């Protein structure tokens, strides 16, 4: 996992198309903005797992591994 330090109004790029921006920091809460093409779905992990579970797809090991891998790619 790549760990980066950013201040408000600073960003990181993932590839050429995805930008993650730190919008604000309020105590222990961090607001981030994600700018990505519409073809790249962006969800909070818990929402993604609910969507997968609601479709009848396995929300257990396989789906969690996919989400973890996607989150890891985002943090690289």
PDB file of N, CA and C in Angstrom:
ATOM      1  N   UNK A   1       0.846  -1.178   0.000  1.00  0.00           N
ATOM      2  CA  UNK A   1       0.000   0.000   0.000  1.00  0.00           C
ATOM      3  C   UNK A   1       0.886   1.234   0.000  1.00  0.00           C
ATOM      4  N   UNK A   2       0.568   2.143  -0.868  1.00  0.00           N
ATOM      5  CA  UNK A   2       1.268   3.419  -0.911  1.00  0.00           C
ATOM      6  C   UNK A   2       0.524   4.388   0.007  1.00  0.00           C
ATOM      7  N   UNK A   3       1.233   5.023   0.914  1.00  0.00           N
ATOM      8  CA  UNK A   3       0.629   5.989   1.830  1.00  0.00           C
ATOM      9  C   UNK A   3       1.161   7.368   1.487  1.00  0.00           C
ATOM     10  N   UNK A   4       0.251   8.300   1.226  1.00  0.00           N
ATOM     11  CA  UNK A   4       0.637   9.658   0.858  1.00  0.00           C
ATOM     12  C   UNK A   4       0.088  10.647   1.882  1.00  0.00           C
ATOM     13  N   UNK A   5       0.794  11.722   2.067  1.00  0.00           N
ATOM     14  CA  UNK A   5       0.325  12.808   2.914  1.00  0.00           C
ATOM     15  C   UNK A   5      -0.106  13.951   2.009  1.00  0.00           C
ATOM     16  N   UNK A   6      -1.318  14.417   2.201  1.00  0.00           N
ATOM     17  CA  UNK A   6      -1.853  15.517   1.404  1.00  0.00           C
ATOM     18  C   UNK A   6      -2.500  16.517   2.346  1.00  0.00           C
ATOM     19  N   UNK A   7      -2.506  17.755   1.932  1.00  0.00           N
ATOM     20  CA  UNK A   7      -3.177  18.825   2.666  1.00  0.00           C
ATOM     21  C   UNK A   7      -4.447  19.186   1.920  1.00  0.00           C
ATOM     22  N   UNK A   8      -5.360  19.914   2.560  1.00  0.00           N
ATOM     23  CA  UNK A   8      -6.562  20.353   1.831  1.00  0.00           C
ATOM     24  C   UNK A   8      -6.176  21.077   0.541  1.00  0.00           C
ATOM     25  N   UNK A   9      -6.983  20.860  -0.472  1.00  0.00           N
ATOM     26  CA  UNK A   9      -6.808  21.435  -1.810  1.00  0.00           C
ATOM     27  C   UNK A   9      -5.638  20.820  -2.573  1.00  0.00           C
ATOM     28  N   UNK A  10      -5.097  19.706  -2.099  1.00  0.00           N
ATOM     29  CA  UNK A  10      -4.081  18.980  -2.840  1.00  0.00           C
ATOM     30  C   UNK A  10      -4.697  17.701  -3.391  1.00  0.00           C
ATOM     31  N   UNK A  11      -4.109  17.165  -4.448  1.00  0.00           N
ATOM     32  CA  UNK A  11      -4.668  15.998  -5.129  1.00  0.00           C
ATOM     33  C   UNK A  11      -3.605  14.957  -5.395  1.00  0.00           C
ATOM     34  N   UNK A  12      -4.081  13.778  -5.758  1.00  0.00           N
ATOM     35  CA  UNK A  12      -3.226  12.743  -6.308  1.00  0.00           C
ATOM     36  C   UNK A  12      -3.892  12.263  -7.594  1.00  0.00           C
ATOM     37  N   UNK A  13      -3.102  11.772  -8.514  1.00  0.00           N
ATOM     38  CA  UNK A  13      -3.624  11.244  -9.769  1.00  0.00           C
ATOM     39  C   UNK A  13      -3.437   9.741  -9.784  1.00  0.00           C
ATOM     40  N   UNK A  14      -4.430   9.040 -10.293  1.00  0.00           N
ATOM     41  CA  UNK A  14      -4.350   7.606 -10.520  1.00  0.00           C
ATOM     42  C   UNK A  14      -4.470   7.426 -12.021  1.00  0.00           C
ATOM     43  N   UNK A  15      -3.378   7.051 -12.633  1.00  0.00           N
ATOM     44  CA  UNK A  15      -3.359   6.999 -14.082  1.00  0.00           C
ATOM     45  C   UNK A  15      -3.528   8.398 -14.643  1.00  0.00           C
ATOM     46  N   UNK A  16      -4.114   8.476 -15.830  1.00  0.00           N
ATOM     47  CA  UNK A  16      -4.321   9.770 -16.482  1.00  0.00           C
ATOM     48  C   UNK A  16      -5.719  10.328 -16.267  1.00  0.00           C
ATOM     49  N   UNK A  17      -6.636   9.510 -15.712  1.00  0.00           N
ATOM     50  CA  UNK A  17      -8.040   9.910 -15.710  1.00  0.00           C
ATOM     51  C   UNK A  17      -8.691  10.063 -14.342  1.00  0.00           C
ATOM     52  N   UNK A  18      -8.070   9.570 -13.283  1.00  0.00           N
ATOM     53  CA  UNK A  18      -8.706   9.607 -11.968  1.00  0.00           C
ATOM     54  C   UNK A  18      -7.925  10.552 -11.060  1.00  0.00           C
ATOM     55  N   UNK A  19      -8.641  11.538 -10.516  1.00  0.00           N
ATOM     56  CA  UNK A  19      -8.031  12.500  -9.592  1.00  0.00           C
ATOM     57  C   UNK A  19      -8.744  12.413  -8.255  1.00  0.00           C
ATOM     58  N   UNK A  20      -7.972  12.256  -7.182  1.00  0.00           N
ATOM     59  CA  UNK A  20      -8.496  12.231  -5.824  1.00  0.00           C
ATOM     60  C   UNK A  20      -8.032  13.514  -5.154  1.00  0.00           C
ATOM     61  N   UNK A  21      -8.982  14.317  -4.671  1.00  0.00           N
ATOM     62  CA  UNK A  21      -8.659  15.607  -4.045  1.00  0.00           C
ATOM     63  C   UNK A  21      -9.079  15.611  -2.585  1.00  0.00           C
ATOM     64  N   UNK A  22      -8.233  16.180  -1.731  1.00  0.00           N
ATOM     65  CA  UNK A  22      -8.598  16.398  -0.335  1.00  0.00           C
ATOM     66  C   UNK A  22      -9.345  17.726  -0.295  1.00  0.00           C
ATOM     67  N   UNK A  23     -10.636  17.668   0.038  1.00  0.00           N
ATOM     68  CA  UNK A  23     -11.443  18.884   0.063  1.00  0.00           C
ATOM     69  C   UNK A  23     -11.330  19.604   1.400  1.00  0.00           C
ATOM     70  N   UNK A  24     -11.388  18.836   2.483  1.00  0.00           N
ATOM     71  CA  UNK A  24     -11.264  19.456   3.803  1.00  0.00           C
ATOM     72  C   UNK A  24     -10.950  18.397   4.843  1.00  0.00           C
ATOM     73  N   UNK A  25     -10.423  18.845   5.965  1.00  0.00           N
ATOM     74  CA  UNK A  25     -10.143  17.982   7.105  1.00  0.00           C
ATOM     75  C   UNK A  25     -10.813  18.613   8.314  1.00  0.00           C
ATOM     76  N   UNK A  26     -11.701  17.848   8.960  1.00  0.00           N
ATOM     77  CA  UNK A  26     -12.442  18.347  10.126  1.00  0.00           C
ATOM     78  C   UNK A  26     -12.254  17.344  11.257  1.00  0.00           C
ATOM     79  N   UNK A  27     -11.266  17.573  12.111  1.00  0.00           N
ATOM     80  CA  UNK A  27     -10.986  16.625  13.179  1.00  0.00           C
ATOM     81  C   UNK A  27     -10.516  15.309  12.593  1.00  0.00           C
ATOM     82  N   UNK A  28     -11.260  14.236  12.868  1.00  0.00           N
ATOM     83  CA  UNK A  28     -10.909  12.923  12.357  1.00  0.00           C
ATOM     84  C   UNK A  28     -11.569  12.612  11.012  1.00  0.00           C
ATOM     85  N   UNK A  29     -12.339  13.539  10.484  1.00  0.00           N
ATOM     86  CA  UNK A  29     -13.047  13.332   9.222  1.00  0.00           C
ATOM     87  C   UNK A  29     -12.300  14.028   8.085  1.00  0.00           C
ATOM     88  N   UNK A  30     -12.186  13.327   6.982  1.00  0.00           N
ATOM     89  CA  UNK A  30     -11.549  13.875   5.788  1.00  0.00           C
ATOM     90  C   UNK A  30     -12.564  13.819   4.652  1.00  0.00           C
ATOM     91  N   UNK A  31     -12.810  14.937   3.993  1.00  0.00           N
ATOM     92  CA  UNK A  31     -13.689  14.966   2.816  1.00  0.00           C
ATOM     93  C   UNK A  31     -12.811  14.880   1.591  1.00  0.00           C
ATOM     94  N   UNK A  32     -13.122  13.894   0.744  1.00  0.00           N
ATOM     95  CA  UNK A  32     -12.363  13.749  -0.492  1.00  0.00           C
ATOM     96  C   UNK A  32     -13.306  13.873  -1.673  1.00  0.00           C
ATOM     97  N   UNK A  33     -12.747  14.289  -2.773  1.00  0.00           N
ATOM     98  CA  UNK A  33     -13.484  14.351  -4.029  1.00  0.00           C
ATOM     99  C   UNK A  33     -12.794  13.445  -5.032  1.00  0.00           C
ATOM    100  N   UNK A  34     -13.593  12.734  -5.809  1.00  0.00           N
ATOM    101  CA  UNK A  34     -13.041  11.821  -6.804  1.00  0.00           C
ATOM    102  C   UNK A  34     -13.579  12.228  -8.162  1.00  0.00           C
ATOM    103  N   UNK A  35     -12.682  12.553  -9.055  1.00  0.00           N
ATOM    104  CA  UNK A  35     -13.064  12.896 -10.419  1.00  0.00           C
ATOM    105  C   UNK A  35     -12.581  11.762 -11.313  1.00  0.00           C
ATOM    106  N   UNK A  36     -13.551  11.080 -11.940  1.00  0.00           N
ATOM    107  CA  UNK A  36     -13.226   9.936 -12.788  1.00  0.00           C
ATOM    108  C   UNK A  36     -14.204   9.901 -13.952  1.00  0.00           C
ATOM    109  N   UNK A  37     -13.817   9.260 -15.039  1.00  0.00           N
ATOM    110  CA  UNK A  37     -14.747   9.111 -16.161  1.00  0.00           C
ATOM    111  C   UNK A  37     -15.996   8.341 -15.716  1.00  0.00           C
ATOM    112  N   UNK A  38     -17.119   8.611 -16.361  1.00  0.00           N
ATOM    113  CA  UNK A  38     -18.364   7.926 -16.011  1.00  0.00           C
ATOM    114  C   UNK A  38     -18.271   6.423 -16.186  1.00  0.00           C
ATOM    115  N   UNK A  39     -17.351   5.974 -17.008  1.00  0.00           N
ATOM    116  CA  UNK A  39     -17.204   4.539 -17.239  1.00  0.00           C
ATOM    117  C   UNK A  39     -16.555   3.813 -16.067  1.00  0.00           C
ATOM    118  N   UNK A  40     -16.015   4.556 -15.098  1.00  0.00           N
ATOM    119  CA  UNK A  40     -15.395   3.966 -13.914  1.00  0.00           C
ATOM    120  C   UNK A  40     -16.334   4.169 -12.724  1.00  0.00           C
ATOM    121  N   UNK A  41     -16.990   3.098 -12.256  1.00  0.00           N
ATOM    122  CA  UNK A  41     -17.885   3.253 -11.111  1.00  0.00           C
ATOM    123  C   UNK A  41     -17.082   3.537  -9.836  1.00  0.00           C
ATOM    124  N   UNK A  42     -17.598   4.437  -9.008  1.00  0.00           N
ATOM    125  CA  UNK A  42     -16.948   4.796  -7.752  1.00  0.00           C
ATOM    126  C   UNK A  42     -17.982   4.659  -6.639  1.00  0.00           C
ATOM    127  N   UNK A  43     -17.696   3.803  -5.665  1.00  0.00           N
ATOM    128  CA  UNK A  43     -18.589   3.561  -4.533  1.00  0.00           C
ATOM    129  C   UNK A  43     -17.783   3.513  -3.248  1.00  0.00           C
ATOM    130  N   UNK A  44     -18.431   3.848  -2.128  1.00  0.00           N
ATOM    131  CA  UNK A  44     -17.851   3.505  -0.837  1.00  0.00           C
ATOM    132  C   UNK A  44     -17.859   1.984  -0.736  1.00  0.00           C
ATOM    133  N   UNK A  45     -16.890   1.414  -0.058  1.00  0.00           N
ATOM    134  CA  UNK A  45     -16.760  -0.041  -0.006  1.00  0.00           C
ATOM    135  C   UNK A  45     -18.015  -0.710   0.531  1.00  0.00           C
ATOM    136  N   UNK A  46     -18.589  -0.164   1.598  1.00  0.00           N
ATOM    137  CA  UNK A  46     -19.770  -0.809   2.182  1.00  0.00           C
ATOM    138  C   UNK A  46     -20.969  -0.753   1.236  1.00  0.00           C
ATOM    139  N   UNK A  47     -21.081   0.298   0.455  1.00  0.00           N
ATOM    140  CA  UNK A  47     -22.154   0.401  -0.534  1.00  0.00           C
ATOM    141  C   UNK A  47     -21.929  -0.616  -1.653  1.00  0.00           C
ATOM    142  N   UNK A  48     -20.694  -0.718  -2.098  1.00  0.00           N
ATOM    143  CA  UNK A  48     -20.365  -1.678  -3.142  1.00  0.00           C
ATOM    144  C   UNK A  48     -20.725  -3.100  -2.710  1.00  0.00           C
ATOM    145  N   UNK A  49     -20.375  -3.446  -1.480  1.00  0.00           N
ATOM    146  CA  UNK A  49     -20.690  -4.787  -0.980  1.00  0.00           C
ATOM    147  C   UNK A  49     -22.190  -5.014  -0.910  1.00  0.00           C
ATOM    148  N   UNK A  50     -22.945  -4.000  -0.522  1.00  0.00           N
ATOM    149  CA  UNK A  50     -24.409  -4.119  -0.495  1.00  0.00           C
ATOM    150  C   UNK A  50     -24.968  -4.318  -1.893  1.00  0.00           C
ATOM    151  N   UNK A  51     -24.433  -3.600  -2.854  1.00  0.00           N
ATOM    152  CA  UNK A  51     -24.884  -3.750  -4.241  1.00  0.00           C
ATOM    153  C   UNK A  51     -24.618  -5.176  -4.708  1.00  0.00           C
ATOM    154  N   UNK A  52     -23.425  -5.676  -4.444  1.00  0.00           N
ATOM    155  CA  UNK A  52     -23.088  -7.033  -4.844  1.00  0.00           C
ATOM    156  C   UNK A  52     -23.994  -8.047  -4.159  1.00  0.00           C
ATOM    157  N   UNK A  53     -24.258  -7.847  -2.891  1.00  0.00           N
ATOM    158  CA  UNK A  53     -25.115  -8.762  -2.134  1.00  0.00           C
ATOM    159  C   UNK A  53     -26.554  -8.696  -2.658  1.00  0.00           C
ATOM    160  N   UNK A  54     -27.023  -7.517  -2.994  1.00  0.00           N
ATOM    161  CA  UNK A  54     -28.381  -7.339  -3.497  1.00  0.00           C
ATOM    162  C   UNK A  54     -28.600  -7.970  -4.851  1.00  0.00           C
ATOM    163  N   UNK A  55     -27.557  -8.137  -5.629  1.00  0.00           N
ATOM    164  CA  UNK A  55     -27.665  -8.753  -6.945  1.00  0.00           C
ATOM    165  C   UNK A  55     -27.609 -10.271  -6.864  1.00  0.00           C
ATOM    166  N   UNK A  56     -27.458 -10.791  -5.646  1.00  0.00           N
ATOM    167  CA  UNK A  56     -27.351 -12.226  -5.498  1.00  0.00           C
ATOM    168  C   UNK A  56     -25.958 -12.744  -5.771  1.00  0.00           C
ATOM    169  N   UNK A  57     -25.020 -11.847  -5.986  1.00  0.00           N
ATOM    170  CA  UNK A  57     -23.645 -12.255  -6.204  1.00  0.00           C
ATOM    171  C   UNK A  57     -22.985 -12.461  -4.854  1.00  0.00           C
ATOM    172  N   UNK A  58     -22.001 -13.290  -4.789  1.00  0.00           N
ATOM    173  CA  UNK A  58     -21.364 -13.549  -3.491  1.00  0.00           C
ATOM    174  C   UNK A  58     -20.702 -12.301  -2.945  1.00  0.00           C
ATOM    175  N   UNK A  59     -21.158 -11.857  -1.795  1.00  0.00           N
ATOM    176  CA  UNK A  59     -20.565 -10.675  -1.162  1.00  0.00           C
ATOM    177  C   UNK A  59     -19.497 -11.089  -0.177  1.00  0.00           C
ATOM    178  N   UNK A  60     -19.184 -12.345  -0.163  1.00  0.00           N
ATOM    179  CA  UNK A  60     -18.197 -12.848   0.790  1.00  0.00           C
ATOM    180  C   UNK A  60     -16.793 -12.711   0.235  1.00  0.00           C
ATOM    181  N   UNK A  61     -16.073 -13.766   0.208  1.00  0.00           N
ATOM    182  CA  UNK A  61     -14.638 -13.733  -0.078  1.00  0.00           C
ATOM    183  C   UNK A  61     -14.325 -13.156  -1.458  1.00  0.00           C
ATOM    184  N   UNK A  62     -14.944 -13.644  -2.514  1.00  0.00           N
ATOM    185  CA  UNK A  62     -14.612 -13.205  -3.867  1.00  0.00           C
ATOM    186  C   UNK A  62     -14.840 -11.728  -4.089  1.00  0.00           C
ATOM    187  N   UNK A  63     -16.039 -11.250  -3.750  1.00  0.00           N
ATOM    188  CA  UNK A  63     -16.359  -9.844  -3.959  1.00  0.00           C
ATOM    189  C   UNK A  63     -15.503  -8.948  -3.072  1.00  0.00           C
ATOM    190  N   UNK A  64     -15.279  -9.356  -1.852  1.00  0.00           N
ATOM    191  CA  UNK A  64     -14.451  -8.545  -0.946  1.00  0.00           C
ATOM    192  C   UNK A  64     -13.020  -8.465  -1.463  1.00  0.00           C
ATOM    193  N   UNK A  65     -12.532  -9.565  -1.995  1.00  0.00           N
ATOM    194  CA  UNK A  65     -11.177  -9.553  -2.543  1.00  0.00           C
ATOM    195  C   UNK A  65     -11.092  -8.602  -3.729  1.00  0.00           C
ATOM    196  N   UNK A  66     -12.146  -8.581  -4.574  1.00  0.00           N
ATOM    197  CA  UNK A  66     -12.163  -7.666  -5.713  1.00  0.00           C
ATOM    198  C   UNK A  66     -12.172  -6.218  -5.247  1.00  0.00           C
ATOM    199  N   UNK A  67     -12.994  -5.916  -4.255  1.00  0.00           N
ATOM    200  CA  UNK A  67     -13.069  -4.548  -3.738  1.00  0.00           C
ATOM    201  C   UNK A  67     -11.746  -4.159  -3.104  1.00  0.00           C
ATOM    202  N   UNK A  68     -11.167  -5.053  -2.300  1.00  0.00           N
ATOM    203  CA  UNK A  68      -9.882  -4.750  -1.684  1.00  0.00           C
ATOM    204  C   UNK A  68      -8.816  -4.499  -2.741  1.00  0.00           C
ATOM    205  N   UNK A  69      -8.818  -5.300  -3.805  1.00  0.00           N
ATOM    206  CA  UNK A  69      -7.845  -5.094  -4.885  1.00  0.00           C
ATOM    207  C   UNK A  69      -8.077  -3.763  -5.576  1.00  0.00           C
ATOM    208  N   UNK A  70      -9.355  -3.407  -5.809  1.00  0.00           N
ATOM    209  CA  UNK A  70      -9.660  -2.124  -6.437  1.00  0.00           C
ATOM    210  C   UNK A  70      -9.240  -0.959  -5.555  1.00  0.00           C
ATOM    211  N   UNK A  71      -9.497  -1.075  -4.259  1.00  0.00           N
ATOM    212  CA  UNK A  71      -9.091  -0.017  -3.325  1.00  0.00           C
ATOM    213  C   UNK A  71      -7.567   0.093  -3.276  1.00  0.00           C
ATOM    214  N   UNK A  72      -6.897  -1.033  -3.344  1.00  0.00           N
ATOM    215  CA  UNK A  72      -5.439  -0.999  -3.336  1.00  0.00           C
ATOM    216  C   UNK A  72      -4.917  -0.317  -4.593  1.00  0.00           C
ATOM    217  N   UNK A  73      -5.544  -0.615  -5.750  1.00  0.00           N
ATOM    218  CA  UNK A  73      -5.122   0.044  -6.994  1.00  0.00           C
ATOM    219  C   UNK A  73      -5.340   1.547  -6.887  1.00  0.00           C
ATOM    220  N   UNK A  74      -6.441   1.952  -6.263  1.00  0.00           N
ATOM    221  CA  UNK A  74      -6.709   3.382  -6.100  1.00  0.00           C
ATOM    222  C   UNK A  74      -5.692   4.060  -5.209  1.00  0.00           C
ATOM    223  N   UNK A  75      -5.199   3.307  -4.222  1.00  0.00           N
ATOM    224  CA  UNK A  75      -4.260   3.923  -3.289  1.00  0.00           C
ATOM    225  C   UNK A  75      -2.812   3.853  -3.760  1.00  0.00           C
ATOM    226  N   UNK A  76      -2.591   3.233  -4.906  1.00  0.00           N
ATOM    227  CA  UNK A  76      -1.223   3.139  -5.434  1.00  0.00           C
ATOM    228  C   UNK A  76      -0.831   4.374  -6.195  1.00  0.00           C
TER     229      UNK A  76
END
